[in-house]
Amino acid sequence: MSTFTYKEAGVNIEAGNTFVSKIKGLVKTTFRPETLIEIGGFSGLFAPQFTNFKDPVLVSSCDGVGTKIKIAVMANKHETIGIDLVAMCVNDVIAMGGEPLFILDYFATGKLDLNLAETVIKGIVEGSKIANCSLLGGETAEMPDFYPEGEYDLAGFCVGIVDRSKIITGEKIEPTNQIIGLASSGVHSNGYSLIRKIFSSEELLDLSSTLLTPTKIYVNLILNLTNKFTLNGIAHITGGGLIENVQRILPLEVDAEIYKESWEILEIFNLIQKKGNISQEEMYKTFNMGIGMVLIVPGERTEIILEKIKSLGEKAHLIGQIKRGQQRVIIR
């Protein structure tokens, strides 16, 4: 009778162990003081400090990078895709007013390519440092026949903390509030299935440097602002674009009016719209259009908040206002 091994079935445990050994030192560079154990154990340990909180609440987020990974594989450029993963998770945590504490990653592939996997992890490490959160652990899954050769998928899981009194839900948004848009770094990590449908493989390769620009991480900026100002609402502009992501934080009795002439639309979005013959509504329901995060603030504090953002070296625009309405986002 024939006998088989796990390795013959396509799963190389030794390669996985080698990979963990290679990245241990790299991952350790992300550790906050609260991190208690190096990677390699069954779980990560983190001892949060609650002394600065009256009523601490944990904030969690789970996200991925989506088919932007397809562009990275096509162009063989994997250095920044890990930054995207961190950004998608931590930006959701700060949208609730939370400070990211740690993140875990899930890397799945058909056959483990040590160099490729290490490159991706280096991006996750870089993103974790930007966000000041520990890369506490993760999972590397080798699944033969599940993913085509050279392809992989990523998921991330982030936990943060916020004082209950400082949770930002949008419930305090009211007429006279103003809408500030924080500039995006590009397409970020949404809409790539549509992008891949309208551009040829050759065109995607030509645009790969632009399309692979990593998602901006807003952690330091938002924490700076929430420590000094009252923000009534924060929307991370991901899947659903400007329209749906702003709408999800609005109370029932208000509208958000956004003036598209108030900031410069990035050229990549003009190119996408022209090439795909895409309607304005569809563009604003799919892409960030150059605004990666939206802040809704008390009207009388708008200018001082904009000045603070500028002093921190970031780009922001006054892009609209809140009016009485029916929970709509209106692009004018």
C-alpha atoms as a PDB file:
ATOM      1  CA  MET A   1       0.000   0.000   0.000  1.00  0.00           C
ATOM      2  CA  SER A   2       1.303   3.449  -0.909  1.00  0.00           C
ATOM      3  CA  THR A   3       2.110   5.860   1.886  1.00  0.00           C
ATOM      4  CA  PHE A   4       1.989   9.623   1.639  1.00  0.00           C
ATOM      5  CA  THR A   5       3.332  12.582   3.548  1.00  0.00           C
ATOM      6  CA  TYR A   6       1.887  16.030   4.156  1.00  0.00           C
ATOM      7  CA  LYS A   7       4.729  17.444   2.056  1.00  0.00           C
ATOM      8  CA  GLU A   8       3.776  15.211  -0.871  1.00  0.00           C
ATOM      9  CA  ALA A   9       0.241  16.560  -0.549  1.00  0.00           C
ATOM     10  CA  GLY A  10       1.653  20.050  -1.108  1.00  0.00           C
ATOM     11  CA  VAL A  11       2.062  21.400   2.434  1.00  0.00           C
ATOM     12  CA  ASN A  12       5.648  22.020   3.521  1.00  0.00           C
ATOM     13  CA  ILE A  13       5.730  22.361   7.323  1.00  0.00           C
ATOM     14  CA  GLU A  14       9.518  22.867   7.280  1.00  0.00           C
ATOM     15  CA  ALA A  15       9.154  25.841   4.924  1.00  0.00           C
ATOM     16  CA  GLY A  16       6.545  27.322   7.250  1.00  0.00           C
ATOM     17  CA  ASN A  17       8.851  26.936  10.249  1.00  0.00           C
ATOM     18  CA  THR A  18      11.695  28.510   8.291  1.00  0.00           C
ATOM     19  CA  PHE A  19       9.444  31.426   7.405  1.00  0.00           C
ATOM     20  CA  VAL A  20       8.502  32.073  11.050  1.00  0.00           C
ATOM     21  CA  SER A  21      12.180  31.987  12.034  1.00  0.00           C
ATOM     22  CA  LYS A  22      13.055  34.471   9.268  1.00  0.00           C
ATOM     23  CA  ILE A  23      10.459  37.048  10.259  1.00  0.00           C
ATOM     24  CA  LYS A  24      10.723  36.863  14.064  1.00  0.00           C
ATOM     25  CA  GLY A  25      13.229  39.675  14.366  1.00  0.00           C
ATOM     26  CA  LEU A  26      11.381  41.783  11.824  1.00  0.00           C
ATOM     27  CA  VAL A  27       8.042  41.451  13.602  1.00  0.00           C
ATOM     28  CA  LYS A  28       9.611  42.221  16.982  1.00  0.00           C
ATOM     29  CA  THR A  29      10.446  45.736  15.755  1.00  0.00           C
ATOM     30  CA  THR A  30       6.706  46.555  15.849  1.00  0.00           C
ATOM     31  CA  PHE A  31       6.168  45.574  19.476  1.00  0.00           C
ATOM     32  CA  ARG A  32       4.689  48.132  21.817  1.00  0.00           C
ATOM     33  CA  PRO A  33       5.756  47.870  25.502  1.00  0.00           C
ATOM     34  CA  GLU A  34       2.505  46.033  26.293  1.00  0.00           C
ATOM     35  CA  THR A  35       3.486  43.061  24.102  1.00  0.00           C
ATOM     36  CA  LEU A  36       4.485  40.090  26.278  1.00  0.00           C
ATOM     37  CA  ILE A  37       5.562  37.300  23.923  1.00  0.00           C
ATOM     38  CA  GLU A  38       7.372  36.794  20.633  1.00  0.00           C
ATOM     39  CA  ILE A  39       5.625  35.178  17.694  1.00  0.00           C
ATOM     40  CA  GLY A  40       5.671  31.414  17.398  1.00  0.00           C
ATOM     41  CA  GLY A  41       3.402  30.499  20.281  1.00  0.00           C
ATOM     42  CA  PHE A  42      -0.200  29.390  20.032  1.00  0.00           C
ATOM     43  CA  SER A  43      -1.438  32.904  20.808  1.00  0.00           C
ATOM     44  CA  GLY A  44      -0.137  36.434  21.258  1.00  0.00           C
ATOM     45  CA  LEU A  45      -0.166  38.120  24.645  1.00  0.00           C
ATOM     46  CA  PHE A  46      -0.822  41.824  25.161  1.00  0.00           C
ATOM     47  CA  ALA A  47      -1.254  43.602  28.503  1.00  0.00           C
ATOM     48  CA  PRO A  48      -3.124  46.858  27.846  1.00  0.00           C
ATOM     49  CA  GLN A  49      -2.582  49.772  30.191  1.00  0.00           C
ATOM     50  CA  PHE A  50      -5.909  51.200  31.370  1.00  0.00           C
ATOM     51  CA  THR A  51      -4.579  53.929  33.677  1.00  0.00           C
ATOM     52  CA  ASN A  52      -5.380  56.713  31.191  1.00  0.00           C
ATOM     53  CA  PHE A  53      -8.957  55.543  30.685  1.00  0.00           C
ATOM     54  CA  LYS A  54     -11.978  56.084  32.892  1.00  0.00           C
ATOM     55  CA  ASP A  55     -14.113  53.496  31.113  1.00  0.00           C
ATOM     56  CA  PRO A  56     -12.028  51.627  28.495  1.00  0.00           C
ATOM     57  CA  VAL A  57     -13.758  49.946  25.571  1.00  0.00           C
ATOM     58  CA  LEU A  58     -12.061  47.629  23.077  1.00  0.00           C
ATOM     59  CA  VAL A  59     -12.528  48.409  19.375  1.00  0.00           C
ATOM     60  CA  SER A  60     -12.001  45.704  16.750  1.00  0.00           C
ATOM     61  CA  SER A  61     -11.821  45.516  12.983  1.00  0.00           C
ATOM     62  CA  CYS A  62     -11.303  42.848  10.337  1.00  0.00           C
ATOM     63  CA  ASP A  63     -10.492  43.606   6.712  1.00  0.00           C
ATOM     64  CA  GLY A  64      -8.487  42.605   3.657  1.00  0.00           C
ATOM     65  CA  VAL A  65      -6.889  44.109   0.570  1.00  0.00           C
ATOM     66  CA  GLY A  66      -9.188  42.573  -2.038  1.00  0.00           C
ATOM     67  CA  THR A  67      -8.241  42.203  -5.677  1.00  0.00           C
ATOM     68  CA  LYS A  68      -5.576  44.893  -5.455  1.00  0.00           C
ATOM     69  CA  ILE A  69      -3.445  41.831  -4.746  1.00  0.00           C
ATOM     70  CA  LYS A  70      -4.078  40.733  -8.338  1.00  0.00           C
ATOM     71  CA  ILE A  71      -2.279  43.867  -9.543  1.00  0.00           C
ATOM     72  CA  ALA A  72       0.637  43.176  -7.180  1.00  0.00           C
ATOM     73  CA  VAL A  73       0.929  39.607  -8.502  1.00  0.00           C
ATOM     74  CA  MET A  74       0.659  40.740 -12.122  1.00  0.00           C
ATOM     75  CA  ALA A  75       3.367  43.383 -11.659  1.00  0.00           C
ATOM     76  CA  ASN A  76       5.421  41.265  -9.228  1.00  0.00           C
ATOM     77  CA  LYS A  77       5.450  44.205  -6.801  1.00  0.00           C
ATOM     78  CA  HIS A  78       4.622  43.065  -3.288  1.00  0.00           C
ATOM     79  CA  GLU A  79       6.522  45.570  -1.140  1.00  0.00           C
ATOM     80  CA  THR A  80       3.587  47.758  -0.104  1.00  0.00           C
ATOM     81  CA  ILE A  81       0.559  45.458  -0.177  1.00  0.00           C
ATOM     82  CA  GLY A  82       1.092  44.750   3.534  1.00  0.00           C
ATOM     83  CA  ILE A  83       0.775  48.475   4.275  1.00  0.00           C
ATOM     84  CA  ASP A  84      -2.628  48.342   2.599  1.00  0.00           C
ATOM     85  CA  LEU A  85      -3.660  45.514   4.899  1.00  0.00           C
ATOM     86  CA  VAL A  86      -2.734  47.410   8.055  1.00  0.00           C
ATOM     87  CA  ALA A  87      -4.317  50.614   6.771  1.00  0.00           C
ATOM     88  CA  MET A  88      -7.662  48.999   6.011  1.00  0.00           C
ATOM     89  CA  CYS A  89      -7.880  47.678   9.562  1.00  0.00           C
ATOM     90  CA  VAL A  90      -6.464  50.524  11.646  1.00  0.00           C
ATOM     91  CA  ASN A  91      -8.328  53.231   9.735  1.00  0.00           C
ATOM     92  CA  ASP A  92     -11.588  51.518  10.678  1.00  0.00           C
ATOM     93  CA  VAL A  93     -10.548  51.473  14.344  1.00  0.00           C
ATOM     94  CA  ILE A  94      -9.708  55.182  14.427  1.00  0.00           C
ATOM     95  CA  ALA A  95     -13.012  55.974  12.689  1.00  0.00           C
ATOM     96  CA  MET A  96     -14.637  55.033  16.013  1.00  0.00           C
ATOM     97  CA  GLY A  97     -12.143  57.156  17.948  1.00  0.00           C
ATOM     98  CA  GLY A  98     -10.014  54.176  18.957  1.00  0.00           C
ATOM     99  CA  GLU A  99      -6.251  53.855  19.255  1.00  0.00           C
ATOM    100  CA  PRO A 100      -4.984  50.682  17.521  1.00  0.00           C
ATOM    101  CA  LEU A 101      -3.077  48.414  19.904  1.00  0.00           C
ATOM    102  CA  PHE A 102      -2.232  45.299  17.928  1.00  0.00           C
ATOM    103  CA  ILE A 103      -2.908  43.574  14.655  1.00  0.00           C
ATOM    104  CA  LEU A 104      -2.797  39.975  13.452  1.00  0.00           C
ATOM    105  CA  ASP A 105      -2.432  38.885   9.846  1.00  0.00           C
ATOM    106  CA  TYR A 106      -3.583  35.907   7.794  1.00  0.00           C
ATOM    107  CA  PHE A 107      -1.508  35.040   4.724  1.00  0.00           C
ATOM    108  CA  ALA A 108      -2.898  32.246   2.535  1.00  0.00           C
ATOM    109  CA  THR A 109      -1.292  30.802  -0.584  1.00  0.00           C
ATOM    110  CA  GLY A 110      -1.155  27.624  -2.649  1.00  0.00           C
ATOM    111  CA  LYS A 111       2.566  27.025  -2.220  1.00  0.00           C
ATOM    112  CA  LEU A 112       4.658  29.051   0.173  1.00  0.00           C
ATOM    113  CA  ASP A 113       7.242  31.220  -1.583  1.00  0.00           C
ATOM    114  CA  LEU A 114       9.517  32.321   1.251  1.00  0.00           C
ATOM    115  CA  ASN A 115      10.861  35.423  -0.487  1.00  0.00           C
ATOM    116  CA  LEU A 116       7.439  36.637  -1.583  1.00  0.00           C
ATOM    117  CA  ALA A 117       5.912  35.997   1.837  1.00  0.00           C
ATOM    118  CA  GLU A 118       8.755  37.814   3.586  1.00  0.00           C
ATOM    119  CA  THR A 119       8.320  40.791   1.275  1.00  0.00           C
ATOM    120  CA  VAL A 120       4.619  40.965   2.122  1.00  0.00           C
ATOM    121  CA  ILE A 121       5.327  40.687   5.856  1.00  0.00           C
ATOM    122  CA  LYS A 122       7.873  43.503   5.609  1.00  0.00           C
ATOM    123  CA  GLY A 123       5.046  45.695   4.309  1.00  0.00           C
ATOM    124  CA  ILE A 124       2.814  44.659   7.206  1.00  0.00           C
ATOM    125  CA  VAL A 125       5.638  45.481   9.609  1.00  0.00           C
ATOM    126  CA  GLU A 126       6.112  48.903   8.021  1.00  0.00           C
ATOM    127  CA  GLY A 127       2.386  49.615   8.235  1.00  0.00           C
ATOM    128  CA  SER A 128       2.290  48.490  11.867  1.00  0.00           C
ATOM    129  CA  LYS A 129       5.107  50.891  12.718  1.00  0.00           C
ATOM    130  CA  ILE A 130       3.318  53.781  10.993  1.00  0.00           C
ATOM    131  CA  ALA A 131       0.174  52.948  12.990  1.00  0.00           C
ATOM    132  CA  ASN A 132       2.152  52.369  16.222  1.00  0.00           C
ATOM    133  CA  CYS A 133       0.547  48.983  16.791  1.00  0.00           C
ATOM    134  CA  SER A 134       2.132  45.622  17.511  1.00  0.00           C
ATOM    135  CA  LEU A 135       2.079  42.887  14.911  1.00  0.00           C
ATOM    136  CA  LEU A 136       1.125  40.400  17.598  1.00  0.00           C
ATOM    137  CA  GLY A 137       0.940  37.276  15.487  1.00  0.00           C
ATOM    138  CA  GLY A 138      -0.639  35.707  12.463  1.00  0.00           C
ATOM    139  CA  GLU A 139      -1.241  32.626  10.377  1.00  0.00           C
ATOM    140  CA  THR A 140       0.505  31.412   7.261  1.00  0.00           C
ATOM    141  CA  ALA A 141      -1.746  28.957   5.448  1.00  0.00           C
ATOM    142  CA  GLU A 142      -0.397  26.796   2.637  1.00  0.00           C
ATOM    143  CA  MET A 143      -3.362  25.371   0.710  1.00  0.00           C
ATOM    144  CA  PRO A 144      -2.389  23.488  -2.469  1.00  0.00           C
ATOM    145  CA  ASP A 145      -5.002  23.491  -5.259  1.00  0.00           C
ATOM    146  CA  PHE A 146      -6.898  26.294  -3.523  1.00  0.00           C
ATOM    147  CA  TYR A 147      -4.867  29.210  -4.917  1.00  0.00           C
ATOM    148  CA  PRO A 148      -3.172  29.297  -8.354  1.00  0.00           C
ATOM    149  CA  GLU A 149       0.622  29.295  -8.319  1.00  0.00           C
ATOM    150  CA  GLY A 150       2.058  32.656  -7.290  1.00  0.00           C
ATOM    151  CA  GLU A 151      -1.222  33.985  -5.889  1.00  0.00           C
ATOM    152  CA  TYR A 152      -2.164  34.671  -2.290  1.00  0.00           C
ATOM    153  CA  ASP A 153      -4.719  36.407  -0.109  1.00  0.00           C
ATOM    154  CA  LEU A 154      -4.433  38.577   2.977  1.00  0.00           C
ATOM    155  CA  ALA A 155      -6.676  39.367   5.915  1.00  0.00           C
ATOM    156  CA  GLY A 156      -6.023  41.452   8.999  1.00  0.00           C
ATOM    157  CA  PHE A 157      -7.536  41.680  12.467  1.00  0.00           C
ATOM    158  CA  CYS A 158      -6.972  44.751  14.619  1.00  0.00           C
ATOM    159  CA  VAL A 159      -7.854  45.567  18.237  1.00  0.00           C
ATOM    160  CA  GLY A 160      -7.788  49.073  19.661  1.00  0.00           C
ATOM    161  CA  ILE A 161      -8.998  50.937  22.719  1.00  0.00           C
ATOM    162  CA  VAL A 162     -11.093  54.028  23.402  1.00  0.00           C
ATOM    163  CA  ASP A 163     -12.639  55.671  26.451  1.00  0.00           C
ATOM    164  CA  ARG A 164     -16.406  55.148  26.328  1.00  0.00           C
ATOM    165  CA  SER A 165     -17.022  58.900  26.513  1.00  0.00           C
ATOM    166  CA  LYS A 166     -14.859  59.433  23.418  1.00  0.00           C
ATOM    167  CA  ILE A 167     -16.422  56.836  21.128  1.00  0.00           C
ATOM    168  CA  ILE A 168     -17.330  58.460  17.800  1.00  0.00           C
ATOM    169  CA  THR A 169     -20.511  57.055  16.264  1.00  0.00           C
ATOM    170  CA  GLY A 170     -21.950  59.981  14.297  1.00  0.00           C
ATOM    171  CA  GLU A 171     -24.999  60.317  16.563  1.00  0.00           C
ATOM    172  CA  LYS A 172     -23.956  63.871  17.511  1.00  0.00           C
ATOM    173  CA  ILE A 173     -23.851  65.081  13.901  1.00  0.00           C
ATOM    174  CA  GLU A 174     -26.227  68.014  13.435  1.00  0.00           C
ATOM    175  CA  PRO A 175     -27.044  70.815  10.993  1.00  0.00           C
ATOM    176  CA  THR A 176     -24.353  73.538  10.863  1.00  0.00           C
ATOM    177  CA  ASN A 177     -21.609  70.904  11.182  1.00  0.00           C
ATOM    178  CA  GLN A 178     -18.960  71.112   8.477  1.00  0.00           C
ATOM    179  CA  ILE A 179     -17.368  68.299   6.457  1.00  0.00           C
ATOM    180  CA  ILE A 180     -13.593  68.059   6.170  1.00  0.00           C
ATOM    181  CA  GLY A 181     -12.000  65.680   3.689  1.00  0.00           C
ATOM    182  CA  LEU A 182      -8.533  64.243   4.338  1.00  0.00           C
ATOM    183  CA  ALA A 183      -6.603  63.636   1.144  1.00  0.00           C
ATOM    184  CA  SER A 184      -6.127  60.058   0.014  1.00  0.00           C
ATOM    185  CA  SER A 185      -2.855  58.753  -1.373  1.00  0.00           C
ATOM    186  CA  GLY A 186      -4.636  57.281  -4.402  1.00  0.00           C
ATOM    187  CA  VAL A 187      -7.194  54.569  -5.074  1.00  0.00           C
ATOM    188  CA  HIS A 188      -6.396  52.925  -1.706  1.00  0.00           C
ATOM    189  CA  SER A 189      -7.811  49.363  -1.620  1.00  0.00           C
ATOM    190  CA  ASN A 190     -11.295  49.432  -3.114  1.00  0.00           C
ATOM    191  CA  GLY A 191     -12.792  49.251  -6.583  1.00  0.00           C
ATOM    192  CA  TYR A 192     -10.084  47.035  -8.064  1.00  0.00           C
ATOM    193  CA  SER A 193     -12.503  44.475  -9.470  1.00  0.00           C
ATOM    194  CA  LEU A 194     -14.005  47.276 -11.569  1.00  0.00           C
ATOM    195  CA  ILE A 195     -10.570  48.627 -12.483  1.00  0.00           C
ATOM    196  CA  ARG A 196      -9.456  45.175 -13.634  1.00  0.00           C
ATOM    197  CA  LYS A 197     -12.576  44.861 -15.755  1.00  0.00           C
ATOM    198  CA  ILE A 198     -12.111  48.077 -17.705  1.00  0.00           C
ATOM    199  CA  PHE A 199      -8.329  48.034 -18.291  1.00  0.00           C
ATOM    200  CA  SER A 200      -6.377  45.459 -20.282  1.00  0.00           C
ATOM    201  CA  SER A 201      -3.502  43.534 -18.682  1.00  0.00           C
ATOM    202  CA  GLU A 202      -1.007  45.739 -20.518  1.00  0.00           C
ATOM    203  CA  GLU A 203      -2.725  48.903 -19.307  1.00  0.00           C
ATOM    204  CA  LEU A 204      -2.824  47.595 -15.739  1.00  0.00           C
ATOM    205  CA  LEU A 205       0.930  46.954 -15.873  1.00  0.00           C
ATOM    206  CA  ASP A 206       1.531  50.473 -17.188  1.00  0.00           C
ATOM    207  CA  LEU A 207      -0.575  51.863 -14.327  1.00  0.00           C
ATOM    208  CA  SER A 208       0.743  49.486 -11.684  1.00  0.00           C
ATOM    209  CA  SER A 209       2.911  52.038  -9.864  1.00  0.00           C
ATOM    210  CA  THR A 210      -0.078  54.323  -9.441  1.00  0.00           C
ATOM    211  CA  LEU A 211      -2.536  51.538  -8.648  1.00  0.00           C
ATOM    212  CA  LEU A 212      -0.213  50.012  -6.042  1.00  0.00           C
ATOM    213  CA  THR A 213       0.325  53.252  -4.129  1.00  0.00           C
ATOM    214  CA  PRO A 214      -0.350  52.086  -0.557  1.00  0.00           C
ATOM    215  CA  THR A 215      -3.450  53.112   1.352  1.00  0.00           C
ATOM    216  CA  LYS A 216      -2.761  56.061   3.625  1.00  0.00           C
ATOM    217  CA  ILE A 217      -2.683  55.334   7.351  1.00  0.00           C
ATOM    218  CA  TYR A 218      -4.393  58.166   9.283  1.00  0.00           C
ATOM    219  CA  VAL A 219      -3.744  56.967  12.835  1.00  0.00           C
ATOM    220  CA  ASN A 220      -1.321  59.635  14.049  1.00  0.00           C
ATOM    221  CA  LEU A 221      -3.318  62.465  12.487  1.00  0.00           C
ATOM    222  CA  ILE A 222      -6.676  61.343  13.890  1.00  0.00           C
ATOM    223  CA  LEU A 223      -5.296  60.677  17.372  1.00  0.00           C
ATOM    224  CA  ASN A 224      -3.730  64.140  17.342  1.00  0.00           C
ATOM    225  CA  LEU A 225      -7.114  65.627  16.479  1.00  0.00           C
ATOM    226  CA  THR A 226      -9.237  63.593  18.893  1.00  0.00           C
ATOM    227  CA  ASN A 227      -6.894  64.519  21.751  1.00  0.00           C
ATOM    228  CA  LYS A 228      -7.610  68.221  21.154  1.00  0.00           C
ATOM    229  CA  PHE A 229     -10.972  68.573  19.425  1.00  0.00           C
ATOM    230  CA  THR A 230     -14.485  67.185  19.354  1.00  0.00           C
ATOM    231  CA  LEU A 231     -15.148  65.276  16.145  1.00  0.00           C
ATOM    232  CA  ASN A 232     -18.808  64.393  15.677  1.00  0.00           C
ATOM    233  CA  GLY A 233     -18.252  61.850  12.939  1.00  0.00           C
ATOM    234  CA  ILE A 234     -15.475  60.050  11.079  1.00  0.00           C
ATOM    235  CA  ALA A 235     -15.941  58.000   7.918  1.00  0.00           C
ATOM    236  CA  HIS A 236     -13.221  55.821   6.449  1.00  0.00           C
ATOM    237  CA  ILE A 237     -13.831  55.893   2.694  1.00  0.00           C
ATOM    238  CA  THR A 238     -13.597  52.258   1.624  1.00  0.00           C
ATOM    239  CA  GLY A 239     -15.998  50.016  -0.331  1.00  0.00           C
ATOM    240  CA  GLY A 240     -19.078  52.080  -1.111  1.00  0.00           C
ATOM    241  CA  GLY A 241     -17.026  55.200  -1.827  1.00  0.00           C
ATOM    242  CA  LEU A 242     -17.790  58.665  -0.534  1.00  0.00           C
ATOM    243  CA  ILE A 243     -21.552  58.255  -0.748  1.00  0.00           C
ATOM    244  CA  GLU A 244     -22.175  55.078   1.224  1.00  0.00           C
ATOM    245  CA  ASN A 245     -19.435  55.509   3.820  1.00  0.00           C
ATOM    246  CA  VAL A 246     -20.506  59.013   4.787  1.00  0.00           C
ATOM    247  CA  GLN A 247     -24.149  57.951   4.771  1.00  0.00           C
ATOM    248  CA  ARG A 248     -23.552  55.139   7.273  1.00  0.00           C
ATOM    249  CA  ILE A 249     -22.594  57.622  10.032  1.00  0.00           C
ATOM    250  CA  LEU A 250     -25.412  60.134   9.443  1.00  0.00           C
ATOM    251  CA  PRO A 251     -28.377  60.424  11.823  1.00  0.00           C
ATOM    252  CA  LEU A 252     -31.779  59.992  10.176  1.00  0.00           C
ATOM    253  CA  GLU A 253     -32.679  63.676  10.154  1.00  0.00           C
ATOM    254  CA  VAL A 254     -29.694  65.187   8.314  1.00  0.00           C
ATOM    255  CA  ASP A 255     -28.112  65.241   4.858  1.00  0.00           C
ATOM    256  CA  ALA A 256     -24.460  65.640   3.936  1.00  0.00           C
ATOM    257  CA  GLU A 257     -23.886  67.980   1.017  1.00  0.00           C
ATOM    258  CA  ILE A 258     -20.502  67.437  -0.616  1.00  0.00           C
ATOM    259  CA  TYR A 259     -19.148  69.883  -3.183  1.00  0.00           C
ATOM    260  CA  LYS A 260     -16.991  68.043  -5.692  1.00  0.00           C
ATOM    261  CA  GLU A 261     -15.277  71.240  -6.868  1.00  0.00           C
ATOM    262  CA  SER A 262     -13.833  71.823  -3.392  1.00  0.00           C
ATOM    263  CA  TRP A 263     -10.851  69.525  -3.954  1.00  0.00           C
ATOM    264  CA  GLU A 264      -8.834  68.340  -6.914  1.00  0.00           C
ATOM    265  CA  ILE A 265      -9.929  64.932  -8.170  1.00  0.00           C
ATOM    266  CA  LEU A 266      -6.880  62.732  -8.657  1.00  0.00           C
ATOM    267  CA  GLU A 267      -6.108  62.051 -12.313  1.00  0.00           C
ATOM    268  CA  ILE A 268      -6.353  58.285 -11.884  1.00  0.00           C
ATOM    269  CA  PHE A 269     -10.075  58.651 -11.133  1.00  0.00           C
ATOM    270  CA  ASN A 270     -10.639  60.766 -14.230  1.00  0.00           C
ATOM    271  CA  LEU A 271      -8.871  58.091 -16.251  1.00  0.00           C
ATOM    272  CA  ILE A 272     -10.958  55.295 -14.721  1.00  0.00           C
ATOM    273  CA  GLN A 273     -14.203  57.167 -15.340  1.00  0.00           C
ATOM    274  CA  LYS A 274     -13.352  57.969 -18.958  1.00  0.00           C
ATOM    275  CA  LYS A 275     -12.033  54.528 -19.833  1.00  0.00           C
ATOM    276  CA  GLY A 276     -14.999  52.712 -18.277  1.00  0.00           C
ATOM    277  CA  ASN A 277     -17.647  55.272 -19.281  1.00  0.00           C
ATOM    278  CA  ILE A 278     -18.699  55.279 -15.619  1.00  0.00           C
ATOM    279  CA  SER A 279     -21.409  57.591 -14.286  1.00  0.00           C
ATOM    280  CA  GLN A 280     -20.632  60.179 -11.626  1.00  0.00           C
ATOM    281  CA  GLU A 281     -22.881  58.400  -9.115  1.00  0.00           C
ATOM    282  CA  GLU A 282     -21.137  55.085  -9.689  1.00  0.00           C
ATOM    283  CA  MET A 283     -17.706  56.705  -9.267  1.00  0.00           C
ATOM    284  CA  TYR A 284     -18.691  58.287  -5.940  1.00  0.00           C
ATOM    285  CA  LYS A 285     -20.276  55.018  -4.765  1.00  0.00           C
ATOM    286  CA  THR A 286     -17.163  53.001  -5.614  1.00  0.00           C
ATOM    287  CA  PHE A 287     -14.050  55.130  -5.112  1.00  0.00           C
ATOM    288  CA  ASN A 288     -12.696  57.636  -2.609  1.00  0.00           C
ATOM    289  CA  MET A 289     -12.149  60.214  -5.408  1.00  0.00           C
ATOM    290  CA  GLY A 290      -9.137  61.636  -3.565  1.00  0.00           C
ATOM    291  CA  ILE A 291     -10.703  61.799  -0.082  1.00  0.00           C
ATOM    292  CA  GLY A 292      -9.595  58.908   2.123  1.00  0.00           C
ATOM    293  CA  MET A 293     -11.207  59.977   5.385  1.00  0.00           C
ATOM    294  CA  VAL A 294     -14.074  62.336   6.164  1.00  0.00           C
ATOM    295  CA  LEU A 295     -14.397  64.304   9.404  1.00  0.00           C
ATOM    296  CA  ILE A 296     -17.642  65.954  10.474  1.00  0.00           C
ATOM    297  CA  VAL A 297     -16.924  68.746  12.921  1.00  0.00           C
ATOM    298  CA  PRO A 298     -18.692  71.596  14.760  1.00  0.00           C
ATOM    299  CA  GLY A 299     -18.928  74.544  12.369  1.00  0.00           C
ATOM    300  CA  GLU A 300     -17.242  77.018  14.718  1.00  0.00           C
ATOM    301  CA  ARG A 301     -14.168  74.758  15.053  1.00  0.00           C
ATOM    302  CA  THR A 302     -13.674  74.037  11.364  1.00  0.00           C
ATOM    303  CA  GLU A 303     -10.933  76.564  10.645  1.00  0.00           C
ATOM    304  CA  ILE A 304      -8.837  75.751  13.703  1.00  0.00           C
ATOM    305  CA  ILE A 305      -9.066  72.025  12.920  1.00  0.00           C
ATOM    306  CA  LEU A 306      -7.996  72.664   9.313  1.00  0.00           C
ATOM    307  CA  GLU A 307      -5.067  74.742  10.576  1.00  0.00           C
ATOM    308  CA  LYS A 308      -4.043  71.938  12.941  1.00  0.00           C
ATOM    309  CA  ILE A 309      -4.139  69.383  10.129  1.00  0.00           C
ATOM    310  CA  LYS A 310      -2.002  71.650   7.952  1.00  0.00           C
ATOM    311  CA  SER A 311       0.494  72.161  10.814  1.00  0.00           C
ATOM    312  CA  LEU A 312       0.922  68.380  10.964  1.00  0.00           C
ATOM    313  CA  GLY A 313       1.931  68.342   7.301  1.00  0.00           C
ATOM    314  CA  GLU A 314      -1.295  66.763   6.039  1.00  0.00           C
ATOM    315  CA  LYS A 315      -3.641  67.831   3.238  1.00  0.00           C
ATOM    316  CA  ALA A 316      -7.291  68.504   3.986  1.00  0.00           C
ATOM    317  CA  HIS A 317     -10.176  70.390   2.398  1.00  0.00           C
ATOM    318  CA  LEU A 318     -13.480  71.811   3.533  1.00  0.00           C
ATOM    319  CA  ILE A 319     -15.684  69.729   1.230  1.00  0.00           C
ATOM    320  CA  GLY A 320     -19.253  70.216   2.447  1.00  0.00           C
ATOM    321  CA  GLN A 321     -21.761  70.787   5.190  1.00  0.00           C
ATOM    322  CA  ILE A 322     -24.516  69.075   7.139  1.00  0.00           C
ATOM    323  CA  LYS A 323     -28.111  70.205   6.610  1.00  0.00           C
ATOM    324  CA  ARG A 324     -31.521  69.045   7.726  1.00  0.00           C
ATOM    325  CA  GLY A 325     -32.654  66.165   5.575  1.00  0.00           C
ATOM    326  CA  GLN A 326     -33.252  62.454   5.271  1.00  0.00           C
ATOM    327  CA  GLN A 327     -29.868  60.723   5.789  1.00  0.00           C
ATOM    328  CA  ARG A 328     -28.724  61.371   2.241  1.00  0.00           C
ATOM    329  CA  VAL A 329     -25.315  62.163   0.794  1.00  0.00           C
ATOM    330  CA  ILE A 330     -25.720  64.680  -2.012  1.00  0.00           C
ATOM    331  CA  ILE A 331     -22.844  65.334  -4.403  1.00  0.00           C
ATOM    332  CA  ARG A 332     -23.125  68.812  -5.907  1.00  0.00           C
END
